[in-house]
Amino acid sequence: MPRAVSPGRKWLTTVLAWAVGFVIFFPILWMVLASFKTELEAFAIPPSFVSFHWTLENYAAVQSRSDYVHHALNSIIIAGGSTLIALLIAIPAAWSMAFAPTRRTRDLLLWMLSTKMMPPVGVLVPIYLLYRTFGLLDTRAGLIIVLCLGNLPIVVWMLFTYFKEIPKDILEAARMDGATVGRELVYVLTPMAVPGIASTLLLNVILAWNEAFWTLNLSTSEAAPLTVFIASYSSPEGLFWARLSAASTLAIAPILVLGWFSQRQLVRGLTFGAVK
C-alpha cells in the first residue's frame, strides 16, 4: 500500500523543488538577460534584472565578428558523429558483457571506467603529437575520434546496465526461432532497450557538445565548434560580458532546446529498469 502524503508536505516539497530548480537555472537566466544589455549595464552595480535598455546589438556584433553557422554546424557534426560511432561500438560490446559474460567482464568494465578518472591533460601531449603526425589537427574527423573514445566507457557502462534488465528468456526464445546474433541485436534487443539507448544517446550528445578541453587544444578554425566560438571572446583587452553572454546564449540554445523537448525520454531512460 503506498504511503499517504499530506497536502502540506506535498506543497512544501513542490516549493523546495522549484526553489532548487531556480537556483540551478539562475546563472543561465542571468546570462540570457546580460546578452540583451549594453556593456555598461552588464557591469552595473547593483545589477538590474528587467528595468534596463533592451538591445540586440550584442547579437549583431557576434554575427558580424564570427561565423556562428559554421561553428554550430561543426558542433552538430562532431557531437552527432562521435555519438553514433560510440553507439555502434558500445551496443555489441554491452550485449556481449551483459549476456555472455566472462570472469574478466567486471574487471574490464572497471578498467574502462577508470580511464575517465585520469585528467585529460595527462595524455594531451602524446595525442597532440599523434594528431600532428597523421594530419588530424583542426579536423572534424580528429575531434570525432577523440570525443568518441573519451565518452565510450560511459556509453558502454550505461548500455550494459540497461541490457542487464532485459530478461534473457526473450533472447533465448529468439535464438530458438533461428535468429542470428545480428538479428537478435537489431530486431529483439535494440527495440526493447530503446528508452535506455535514447537516454544514452542524449547524454553523450550533451557531453560531446559541451566538451571544451579537447576542442580548444585540437582545433583552431576549420573544425572549431561552439566551445571555441565562446572562448574567442576572451581577449587580452578584457572580457566584454554582454557580447560574451550573447555568444554563450547562441552556443547553448540548440542543446537547451534539445534537452527541453527530450526531457521526458531522458527521464524515462534514466529510470529504465528501476521498477520491475
C-alpha atoms as a PDB file:
ATOM      1  CA  MET A   1       0.000   0.000   0.000  1.00  0.00           C
ATOM      2  CA  PRO A   2       1.505   3.382  -0.973  1.00  0.00           C
ATOM      3  CA  ARG A   3       2.311   5.730   1.862  1.00  0.00           C
ATOM      4  CA  ALA A   4      -0.054   8.699   2.152  1.00  0.00           C
ATOM      5  CA  VAL A   5       1.474  12.139   1.750  1.00  0.00           C
ATOM      6  CA  SER A   6      -0.192  15.085   3.418  1.00  0.00           C
ATOM      7  CA  PRO A   7      -1.096  18.127   1.281  1.00  0.00           C
ATOM      8  CA  GLY A   8       1.164  20.332   3.397  1.00  0.00           C
ATOM      9  CA  ARG A   9       4.181  18.107   2.849  1.00  0.00           C
ATOM     10  CA  LYS A  10       3.451  17.870  -0.866  1.00  0.00           C
ATOM     11  CA  TRP A  11       3.196  21.663  -1.082  1.00  0.00           C
ATOM     12  CA  LEU A  12       6.464  22.116   0.834  1.00  0.00           C
ATOM     13  CA  THR A  13       8.257  19.577  -1.369  1.00  0.00           C
ATOM     14  CA  THR A  14       6.992  21.334  -4.501  1.00  0.00           C
ATOM     15  CA  VAL A  15       8.165  24.735  -3.286  1.00  0.00           C
ATOM     16  CA  LEU A  16      11.607  23.363  -2.361  1.00  0.00           C
ATOM     17  CA  ALA A  17      11.913  21.641  -5.735  1.00  0.00           C
ATOM     18  CA  TRP A  18      11.070  24.861  -7.586  1.00  0.00           C
ATOM     19  CA  ALA A  19      13.498  26.808  -5.392  1.00  0.00           C
ATOM     20  CA  VAL A  20      16.344  24.380  -6.100  1.00  0.00           C
ATOM     21  CA  GLY A  21      15.485  24.411  -9.798  1.00  0.00           C
ATOM     22  CA  PHE A  22      15.542  28.210  -9.878  1.00  0.00           C
ATOM     23  CA  VAL A  23      18.931  28.345  -8.126  1.00  0.00           C
ATOM     24  CA  ILE A  24      20.356  25.915 -10.685  1.00  0.00           C
ATOM     25  CA  PHE A  25      18.783  27.769 -13.604  1.00  0.00           C
ATOM     26  CA  PHE A  26      19.642  31.286 -12.362  1.00  0.00           C
ATOM     27  CA  PRO A  27      23.134  31.512 -13.980  1.00  0.00           C
ATOM     28  CA  ILE A  28      21.606  30.690 -17.365  1.00  0.00           C
ATOM     29  CA  LEU A  29      18.843  33.250 -16.816  1.00  0.00           C
ATOM     30  CA  TRP A  30      21.393  35.881 -15.821  1.00  0.00           C
ATOM     31  CA  MET A  31      23.478  35.137 -18.905  1.00  0.00           C
ATOM     32  CA  VAL A  32      20.471  35.480 -21.214  1.00  0.00           C
ATOM     33  CA  LEU A  33      19.459  38.780 -19.609  1.00  0.00           C
ATOM     34  CA  ALA A  34      23.023  40.117 -19.820  1.00  0.00           C
ATOM     35  CA  SER A  35      23.079  39.343 -23.535  1.00  0.00           C
ATOM     36  CA  PHE A  36      20.368  41.988 -24.067  1.00  0.00           C
ATOM     37  CA  LYS A  37      22.191  44.684 -22.063  1.00  0.00           C
ATOM     38  CA  THR A  38      24.819  47.185 -23.089  1.00  0.00           C
ATOM     39  CA  GLU A  39      28.345  46.645 -21.795  1.00  0.00           C
ATOM     40  CA  LEU A  40      27.907  49.386 -19.172  1.00  0.00           C
ATOM     41  CA  GLU A  41      24.652  47.865 -17.912  1.00  0.00           C
ATOM     42  CA  ALA A  42      26.198  44.410 -17.807  1.00  0.00           C
ATOM     43  CA  PHE A  43      28.805  45.739 -15.330  1.00  0.00           C
ATOM     44  CA  ALA A  44      26.358  47.919 -13.376  1.00  0.00           C
ATOM     45  CA  ILE A  45      26.194  47.544  -9.578  1.00  0.00           C
ATOM     46  CA  PRO A  46      23.586  46.958  -8.293  1.00  0.00           C
ATOM     47  CA  PRO A  47      22.513  44.900 -11.283  1.00  0.00           C
ATOM     48  CA  SER A  48      19.181  45.393 -12.998  1.00  0.00           C
ATOM     49  CA  PHE A  49      17.038  42.400 -13.863  1.00  0.00           C
ATOM     50  CA  VAL A  50      14.316  43.850 -16.063  1.00  0.00           C
ATOM     51  CA  SER A  51      14.499  47.636 -15.960  1.00  0.00           C
ATOM     52  CA  PHE A  52      17.300  48.171 -18.444  1.00  0.00           C
ATOM     53  CA  HIS A  53      17.596  49.202 -22.074  1.00  0.00           C
ATOM     54  CA  TRP A  54      16.950  46.037 -24.074  1.00  0.00           C
ATOM     55  CA  THR A  55      19.101  45.813 -27.188  1.00  0.00           C
ATOM     56  CA  LEU A  56      20.097  43.306 -29.850  1.00  0.00           C
ATOM     57  CA  GLU A  57      23.408  45.000 -30.644  1.00  0.00           C
ATOM     58  CA  ASN A  58      25.400  42.238 -28.933  1.00  0.00           C
ATOM     59  CA  TYR A  59      23.900  39.569 -31.166  1.00  0.00           C
ATOM     60  CA  ALA A  60      24.551  41.726 -34.213  1.00  0.00           C
ATOM     61  CA  ALA A  61      28.163  42.212 -33.094  1.00  0.00           C
ATOM     62  CA  VAL A  62      28.610  38.476 -32.579  1.00  0.00           C
ATOM     63  CA  GLN A  63      27.184  37.687 -36.008  1.00  0.00           C
ATOM     64  CA  SER A  64      29.376  40.279 -37.724  1.00  0.00           C
ATOM     65  CA  ARG A  65      32.539  39.120 -35.956  1.00  0.00           C
ATOM     66  CA  SER A  66      32.133  35.328 -36.066  1.00  0.00           C
ATOM     67  CA  ASP A  67      30.547  32.782 -38.368  1.00  0.00           C
ATOM     68  CA  TYR A  68      28.051  31.266 -35.943  1.00  0.00           C
ATOM     69  CA  VAL A  69      26.556  28.894 -38.511  1.00  0.00           C
ATOM     70  CA  HIS A  70      29.989  27.414 -39.278  1.00  0.00           C
ATOM     71  CA  HIS A  71      30.730  26.727 -35.612  1.00  0.00           C
ATOM     72  CA  ALA A  72      27.237  25.396 -34.937  1.00  0.00           C
ATOM     73  CA  LEU A  73      27.489  23.028 -37.899  1.00  0.00           C
ATOM     74  CA  ASN A  74      30.835  21.783 -36.591  1.00  0.00           C
ATOM     75  CA  SER A  75      29.295  21.144 -33.173  1.00  0.00           C
ATOM     76  CA  ILE A  76      26.381  19.227 -34.701  1.00  0.00           C
ATOM     77  CA  ILE A  77      28.643  17.056 -36.861  1.00  0.00           C
ATOM     78  CA  ILE A  78      31.190  16.405 -34.103  1.00  0.00           C
ATOM     79  CA  ALA A  79      28.662  15.689 -31.339  1.00  0.00           C
ATOM     80  CA  GLY A  80      26.386  13.636 -33.589  1.00  0.00           C
ATOM     81  CA  GLY A  81      29.203  11.740 -35.304  1.00  0.00           C
ATOM     82  CA  SER A  82      31.024  10.828 -32.090  1.00  0.00           C
ATOM     83  CA  THR A  83      27.745   9.690 -30.505  1.00  0.00           C
ATOM     84  CA  LEU A  84      26.682   7.490 -33.406  1.00  0.00           C
ATOM     85  CA  ILE A  85      30.097   5.822 -33.683  1.00  0.00           C
ATOM     86  CA  ALA A  86      30.193   5.276 -29.905  1.00  0.00           C
ATOM     87  CA  LEU A  87      26.754   3.612 -30.028  1.00  0.00           C
ATOM     88  CA  LEU A  88      27.764   1.368 -32.928  1.00  0.00           C
ATOM     89  CA  ILE A  89      30.720   0.144 -30.867  1.00  0.00           C
ATOM     90  CA  ALA A  90      29.022   0.112 -27.468  1.00  0.00           C
ATOM     91  CA  ILE A  91      25.820  -1.796 -28.312  1.00  0.00           C
ATOM     92  CA  PRO A  92      27.602  -5.043 -29.353  1.00  0.00           C
ATOM     93  CA  ALA A  93      30.141  -4.614 -26.526  1.00  0.00           C
ATOM     94  CA  ALA A  94      27.446  -4.118 -23.891  1.00  0.00           C
ATOM     95  CA  TRP A  95      25.443  -7.028 -25.322  1.00  0.00           C
ATOM     96  CA  SER A  96      28.395  -9.416 -25.002  1.00  0.00           C
ATOM     97  CA  MET A  97      29.141  -8.234 -21.460  1.00  0.00           C
ATOM     98  CA  ALA A  98      25.509  -8.492 -20.362  1.00  0.00           C
ATOM     99  CA  PHE A  99      24.511 -11.798 -21.972  1.00  0.00           C
ATOM    100  CA  ALA A 100      27.833 -13.592 -22.497  1.00  0.00           C
ATOM    101  CA  PRO A 101      29.946 -12.505 -19.507  1.00  0.00           C
ATOM    102  CA  THR A 102      33.290 -13.999 -18.572  1.00  0.00           C
ATOM    103  CA  ARG A 103      35.285 -13.932 -15.361  1.00  0.00           C
ATOM    104  CA  ARG A 104      37.035 -10.785 -16.596  1.00  0.00           C
ATOM    105  CA  THR A 105      33.921  -8.844 -17.591  1.00  0.00           C
ATOM    106  CA  ARG A 106      33.630  -6.950 -14.318  1.00  0.00           C
ATOM    107  CA  ASP A 107      37.357  -6.156 -14.319  1.00  0.00           C
ATOM    108  CA  LEU A 108      37.094  -4.905 -17.901  1.00  0.00           C
ATOM    109  CA  LEU A 109      34.177  -2.633 -17.025  1.00  0.00           C
ATOM    110  CA  LEU A 110      36.043  -1.215 -14.047  1.00  0.00           C
ATOM    111  CA  TRP A 111      39.139  -0.635 -16.180  1.00  0.00           C
ATOM    112  CA  MET A 112      37.079   1.188 -18.813  1.00  0.00           C
ATOM    113  CA  LEU A 113      35.523   3.388 -16.158  1.00  0.00           C
ATOM    114  CA  SER A 114      38.928   4.097 -14.593  1.00  0.00           C
ATOM    115  CA  THR A 115      40.069   5.710 -17.838  1.00  0.00           C
ATOM    116  CA  LYS A 116      37.595   8.550 -17.150  1.00  0.00           C
ATOM    117  CA  MET A 117      39.305   9.233 -13.809  1.00  0.00           C
ATOM    118  CA  MET A 118      42.544  10.319 -15.439  1.00  0.00           C
ATOM    119  CA  PRO A 119      42.815  14.050 -16.182  1.00  0.00           C
ATOM    120  CA  PRO A 120      42.751  14.604 -19.954  1.00  0.00           C
ATOM    121  CA  VAL A 121      45.778  16.897 -19.699  1.00  0.00           C
ATOM    122  CA  GLY A 122      47.826  13.822 -18.766  1.00  0.00           C
ATOM    123  CA  VAL A 123      47.564  12.490 -22.341  1.00  0.00           C
ATOM    124  CA  LEU A 124      47.364  15.807 -24.183  1.00  0.00           C
ATOM    125  CA  VAL A 125      50.983  15.825 -25.411  1.00  0.00           C
ATOM    126  CA  PRO A 126      51.022  12.308 -26.956  1.00  0.00           C
ATOM    127  CA  ILE A 127      47.598  12.776 -28.541  1.00  0.00           C
ATOM    128  CA  TYR A 128      48.607  16.183 -29.906  1.00  0.00           C
ATOM    129  CA  LEU A 129      51.779  14.710 -31.418  1.00  0.00           C
ATOM    130  CA  LEU A 130      49.840  11.808 -32.937  1.00  0.00           C
ATOM    131  CA  TYR A 131      47.282  14.171 -34.426  1.00  0.00           C
ATOM    132  CA  ARG A 132      50.002  16.402 -35.842  1.00  0.00           C
ATOM    133  CA  THR A 133      51.770  13.402 -37.383  1.00  0.00           C
ATOM    134  CA  PHE A 134      48.643  11.994 -39.029  1.00  0.00           C
ATOM    135  CA  GLY A 135      47.215  15.356 -40.081  1.00  0.00           C
ATOM    136  CA  LEU A 136      44.198  15.249 -37.772  1.00  0.00           C
ATOM    137  CA  LEU A 137      44.713  18.621 -36.117  1.00  0.00           C
ATOM    138  CA  ASP A 138      41.817  21.023 -36.699  1.00  0.00           C
ATOM    139  CA  THR A 139      39.719  18.391 -38.470  1.00  0.00           C
ATOM    140  CA  ARG A 140      36.224  17.186 -37.696  1.00  0.00           C
ATOM    141  CA  ALA A 141      37.334  13.572 -38.006  1.00  0.00           C
ATOM    142  CA  GLY A 142      40.025  14.091 -35.382  1.00  0.00           C
ATOM    143  CA  LEU A 143      37.592  15.626 -32.886  1.00  0.00           C
ATOM    144  CA  ILE A 144      35.004  12.914 -33.571  1.00  0.00           C
ATOM    145  CA  ILE A 145      37.576  10.222 -32.811  1.00  0.00           C
ATOM    146  CA  VAL A 146      38.843  11.732 -29.571  1.00  0.00           C
ATOM    147  CA  LEU A 147      35.350  12.537 -28.257  1.00  0.00           C
ATOM    148  CA  CYS A 148      34.055   9.111 -29.232  1.00  0.00           C
ATOM    149  CA  LEU A 149      36.886   7.346 -27.408  1.00  0.00           C
ATOM    150  CA  GLY A 150      36.612   9.685 -24.440  1.00  0.00           C
ATOM    151  CA  ASN A 151      32.893   9.045 -23.887  1.00  0.00           C
ATOM    152  CA  LEU A 152      32.874   5.386 -24.932  1.00  0.00           C
ATOM    153  CA  PRO A 153      33.343   3.991 -21.373  1.00  0.00           C
ATOM    154  CA  ILE A 154      30.279   5.864 -20.139  1.00  0.00           C
ATOM    155  CA  VAL A 155      28.205   4.692 -23.113  1.00  0.00           C
ATOM    156  CA  VAL A 156      29.213   1.061 -22.580  1.00  0.00           C
ATOM    157  CA  TRP A 157      28.502   1.252 -18.847  1.00  0.00           C
ATOM    158  CA  MET A 158      25.051   2.766 -19.341  1.00  0.00           C
ATOM    159  CA  LEU A 159      24.030   0.308 -22.054  1.00  0.00           C
ATOM    160  CA  PHE A 160      25.370  -2.606 -20.005  1.00  0.00           C
ATOM    161  CA  THR A 161      23.164  -1.508 -17.093  1.00  0.00           C
ATOM    162  CA  TYR A 162      20.083  -1.265 -19.334  1.00  0.00           C
ATOM    163  CA  PHE A 163      20.737  -4.587 -21.084  1.00  0.00           C
ATOM    164  CA  LYS A 164      21.089  -6.381 -17.757  1.00  0.00           C
ATOM    165  CA  GLU A 165      17.440  -5.547 -17.018  1.00  0.00           C
ATOM    166  CA  ILE A 166      16.202  -7.360 -20.137  1.00  0.00           C
ATOM    167  CA  PRO A 167      15.135 -10.979 -19.418  1.00  0.00           C
ATOM    168  CA  LYS A 168      17.450 -13.497 -21.034  1.00  0.00           C
ATOM    169  CA  ASP A 169      14.485 -15.763 -21.769  1.00  0.00           C
ATOM    170  CA  ILE A 170      13.356 -13.420 -24.542  1.00  0.00           C
ATOM    171  CA  LEU A 171      16.717 -13.618 -26.280  1.00  0.00           C
ATOM    172  CA  GLU A 172      16.828 -17.386 -25.851  1.00  0.00           C
ATOM    173  CA  ALA A 173      13.379 -17.651 -27.430  1.00  0.00           C
ATOM    174  CA  ALA A 174      14.601 -15.615 -30.398  1.00  0.00           C
ATOM    175  CA  ARG A 175      17.586 -17.937 -30.772  1.00  0.00           C
ATOM    176  CA  MET A 176      15.322 -20.978 -30.710  1.00  0.00           C
ATOM    177  CA  ASP A 177      13.343 -19.395 -33.542  1.00  0.00           C
ATOM    178  CA  GLY A 178      16.542 -19.227 -35.567  1.00  0.00           C
ATOM    179  CA  ALA A 179      17.609 -15.616 -35.019  1.00  0.00           C
ATOM    180  CA  THR A 180      21.262 -14.940 -35.667  1.00  0.00           C
ATOM    181  CA  VAL A 181      23.336 -12.703 -33.415  1.00  0.00           C
ATOM    182  CA  GLY A 182      22.884  -9.773 -35.783  1.00  0.00           C
ATOM    183  CA  ARG A 183      19.100 -10.212 -35.972  1.00  0.00           C
ATOM    184  CA  GLU A 184      18.954 -10.634 -32.211  1.00  0.00           C
ATOM    185  CA  LEU A 185      20.719  -7.301 -31.745  1.00  0.00           C
ATOM    186  CA  VAL A 186      18.705  -5.406 -34.361  1.00  0.00           C
ATOM    187  CA  TYR A 187      15.211  -6.869 -34.035  1.00  0.00           C
ATOM    188  CA  VAL A 188      14.999  -8.061 -30.419  1.00  0.00           C
ATOM    189  CA  LEU A 189      17.465  -6.339 -28.098  1.00  0.00           C
ATOM    190  CA  THR A 190      17.560  -2.834 -29.574  1.00  0.00           C
ATOM    191  CA  PRO A 191      13.750  -2.270 -29.704  1.00  0.00           C
ATOM    192  CA  MET A 192      13.400  -3.436 -26.097  1.00  0.00           C
ATOM    193  CA  ALA A 193      16.155  -1.089 -24.915  1.00  0.00           C
ATOM    194  CA  VAL A 194      15.039   1.988 -26.877  1.00  0.00           C
ATOM    195  CA  PRO A 195      14.497   4.129 -23.721  1.00  0.00           C
ATOM    196  CA  GLY A 196      17.967   3.272 -22.420  1.00  0.00           C
ATOM    197  CA  ILE A 197      19.623   3.768 -25.798  1.00  0.00           C
ATOM    198  CA  ALA A 198      17.820   7.088 -26.293  1.00  0.00           C
ATOM    199  CA  SER A 199      18.888   8.443 -22.903  1.00  0.00           C
ATOM    200  CA  THR A 200      22.457   7.267 -23.521  1.00  0.00           C
ATOM    201  CA  LEU A 201      22.438   8.995 -26.903  1.00  0.00           C
ATOM    202  CA  LEU A 202      21.124  12.243 -25.438  1.00  0.00           C
ATOM    203  CA  LEU A 203      23.624  12.300 -22.581  1.00  0.00           C
ATOM    204  CA  ASN A 204      26.502  11.560 -24.918  1.00  0.00           C
ATOM    205  CA  VAL A 205      25.417  14.332 -27.299  1.00  0.00           C
ATOM    206  CA  ILE A 206      25.324  16.770 -24.368  1.00  0.00           C
ATOM    207  CA  LEU A 207      28.773  15.676 -23.173  1.00  0.00           C
ATOM    208  CA  ALA A 208      30.247  15.980 -26.651  1.00  0.00           C
ATOM    209  CA  TRP A 209      28.541  19.334 -27.275  1.00  0.00           C
ATOM    210  CA  ASN A 210      29.928  20.812 -24.040  1.00  0.00           C
ATOM    211  CA  GLU A 211      33.435  19.354 -24.363  1.00  0.00           C
ATOM    212  CA  ALA A 212      35.917  22.208 -24.222  1.00  0.00           C
ATOM    213  CA  PHE A 213      39.332  20.770 -23.346  1.00  0.00           C
ATOM    214  CA  TRP A 214      39.929  18.727 -26.499  1.00  0.00           C
ATOM    215  CA  THR A 215      38.190  21.137 -28.854  1.00  0.00           C
ATOM    216  CA  LEU A 216      40.246  24.086 -27.611  1.00  0.00           C
ATOM    217  CA  ASN A 217      43.540  22.187 -27.905  1.00  0.00           C
ATOM    218  CA  LEU A 218      42.964  20.243 -31.126  1.00  0.00           C
ATOM    219  CA  SER A 219      41.138  22.804 -33.289  1.00  0.00           C
ATOM    220  CA  THR A 220      41.582  26.414 -34.305  1.00  0.00           C
ATOM    221  CA  SER A 221      39.289  27.488 -37.128  1.00  0.00           C
ATOM    222  CA  GLU A 222      38.221  24.907 -39.708  1.00  0.00           C
ATOM    223  CA  ALA A 223      36.798  22.328 -37.262  1.00  0.00           C
ATOM    224  CA  ALA A 224      36.239  24.694 -34.329  1.00  0.00           C
ATOM    225  CA  PRO A 225      32.874  24.026 -32.613  1.00  0.00           C
ATOM    226  CA  LEU A 226      30.875  26.407 -30.453  1.00  0.00           C
ATOM    227  CA  THR A 227      33.138  25.961 -27.420  1.00  0.00           C
ATOM    228  CA  VAL A 228      35.958  27.583 -29.394  1.00  0.00           C
ATOM    229  CA  PHE A 229      33.451  30.167 -30.615  1.00  0.00           C
ATOM    230  CA  ILE A 230      32.780  31.179 -26.979  1.00  0.00           C
ATOM    231  CA  ALA A 231      36.451  31.142 -25.985  1.00  0.00           C
ATOM    232  CA  SER A 232      37.284  33.553 -28.805  1.00  0.00           C
ATOM    233  CA  TYR A 233      35.507  36.311 -26.862  1.00  0.00           C
ATOM    234  CA  SER A 234      38.124  36.216 -24.116  1.00  0.00           C
ATOM    235  CA  SER A 235      40.712  38.758 -25.240  1.00  0.00           C
ATOM    236  CA  PRO A 236      43.778  40.471 -23.693  1.00  0.00           C
ATOM    237  CA  GLU A 237      41.799  43.715 -23.654  1.00  0.00           C
ATOM    238  CA  GLY A 238      39.411  42.174 -21.133  1.00  0.00           C
ATOM    239  CA  LEU A 239      36.056  40.456 -21.098  1.00  0.00           C
ATOM    240  CA  PHE A 240      33.095  42.044 -22.814  1.00  0.00           C
ATOM    241  CA  TRP A 241      30.395  40.483 -20.680  1.00  0.00           C
ATOM    242  CA  ALA A 242      27.416  41.448 -22.815  1.00  0.00           C
ATOM    243  CA  ARG A 243      28.919  40.090 -26.034  1.00  0.00           C
ATOM    244  CA  LEU A 244      30.255  37.036 -24.237  1.00  0.00           C
ATOM    245  CA  SER A 245      26.760  36.400 -22.850  1.00  0.00           C
ATOM    246  CA  ALA A 246      25.258  36.736 -26.324  1.00  0.00           C
ATOM    247  CA  ALA A 247      27.797  34.293 -27.766  1.00  0.00           C
ATOM    248  CA  SER A 248      27.190  31.841 -24.906  1.00  0.00           C
ATOM    249  CA  THR A 249      23.422  32.094 -25.334  1.00  0.00           C
ATOM    250  CA  LEU A 250      23.735  31.287 -29.028  1.00  0.00           C
ATOM    251  CA  ALA A 251      26.033  28.355 -28.198  1.00  0.00           C
ATOM    252  CA  ILE A 252      23.796  26.703 -25.624  1.00  0.00           C
ATOM    253  CA  ALA A 253      20.461  27.448 -27.325  1.00  0.00           C
ATOM    254  CA  PRO A 254      20.427  24.309 -29.552  1.00  0.00           C
ATOM    255  CA  ILE A 255      21.292  21.927 -26.718  1.00  0.00           C
ATOM    256  CA  LEU A 256      18.769  23.603 -24.395  1.00  0.00           C
ATOM    257  CA  VAL A 257      16.031  23.154 -26.988  1.00  0.00           C
ATOM    258  CA  LEU A 258      17.046  19.513 -27.488  1.00  0.00           C
ATOM    259  CA  GLY A 259      17.042  18.879 -23.752  1.00  0.00           C
ATOM    260  CA  TRP A 260      13.679  20.578 -23.277  1.00  0.00           C
ATOM    261  CA  PHE A 261      11.884  18.506 -25.922  1.00  0.00           C
ATOM    262  CA  SER A 262      13.579  15.239 -24.945  1.00  0.00           C
ATOM    263  CA  GLN A 263      13.409  15.565 -21.154  1.00  0.00           C
ATOM    264  CA  ARG A 264      10.594  13.027 -20.840  1.00  0.00           C
ATOM    265  CA  GLN A 265      12.527  10.473 -22.877  1.00  0.00           C
ATOM    266  CA  LEU A 266      15.667  11.246 -20.902  1.00  0.00           C
ATOM    267  CA  VAL A 267      13.995  10.701 -17.537  1.00  0.00           C
ATOM    268  CA  ARG A 268      12.323   7.552 -18.809  1.00  0.00           C
ATOM    269  CA  GLY A 269      15.645   6.174 -19.964  1.00  0.00           C
ATOM    270  CA  LEU A 270      17.473   7.078 -16.750  1.00  0.00           C
ATOM    271  CA  THR A 271      14.804   5.264 -14.695  1.00  0.00           C
ATOM    272  CA  PHE A 272      14.655   2.309 -17.129  1.00  0.00           C
ATOM    273  CA  GLY A 273      14.707  -0.900 -15.125  1.00  0.00           C
ATOM    274  CA  ALA A 274      14.331   0.856 -11.754  1.00  0.00           C
ATOM    275  CA  VAL A 275      10.897  -0.723 -11.201  1.00  0.00           C
ATOM    276  CA  LYS A 276      10.393  -4.333 -12.212  1.00  0.00           C
END
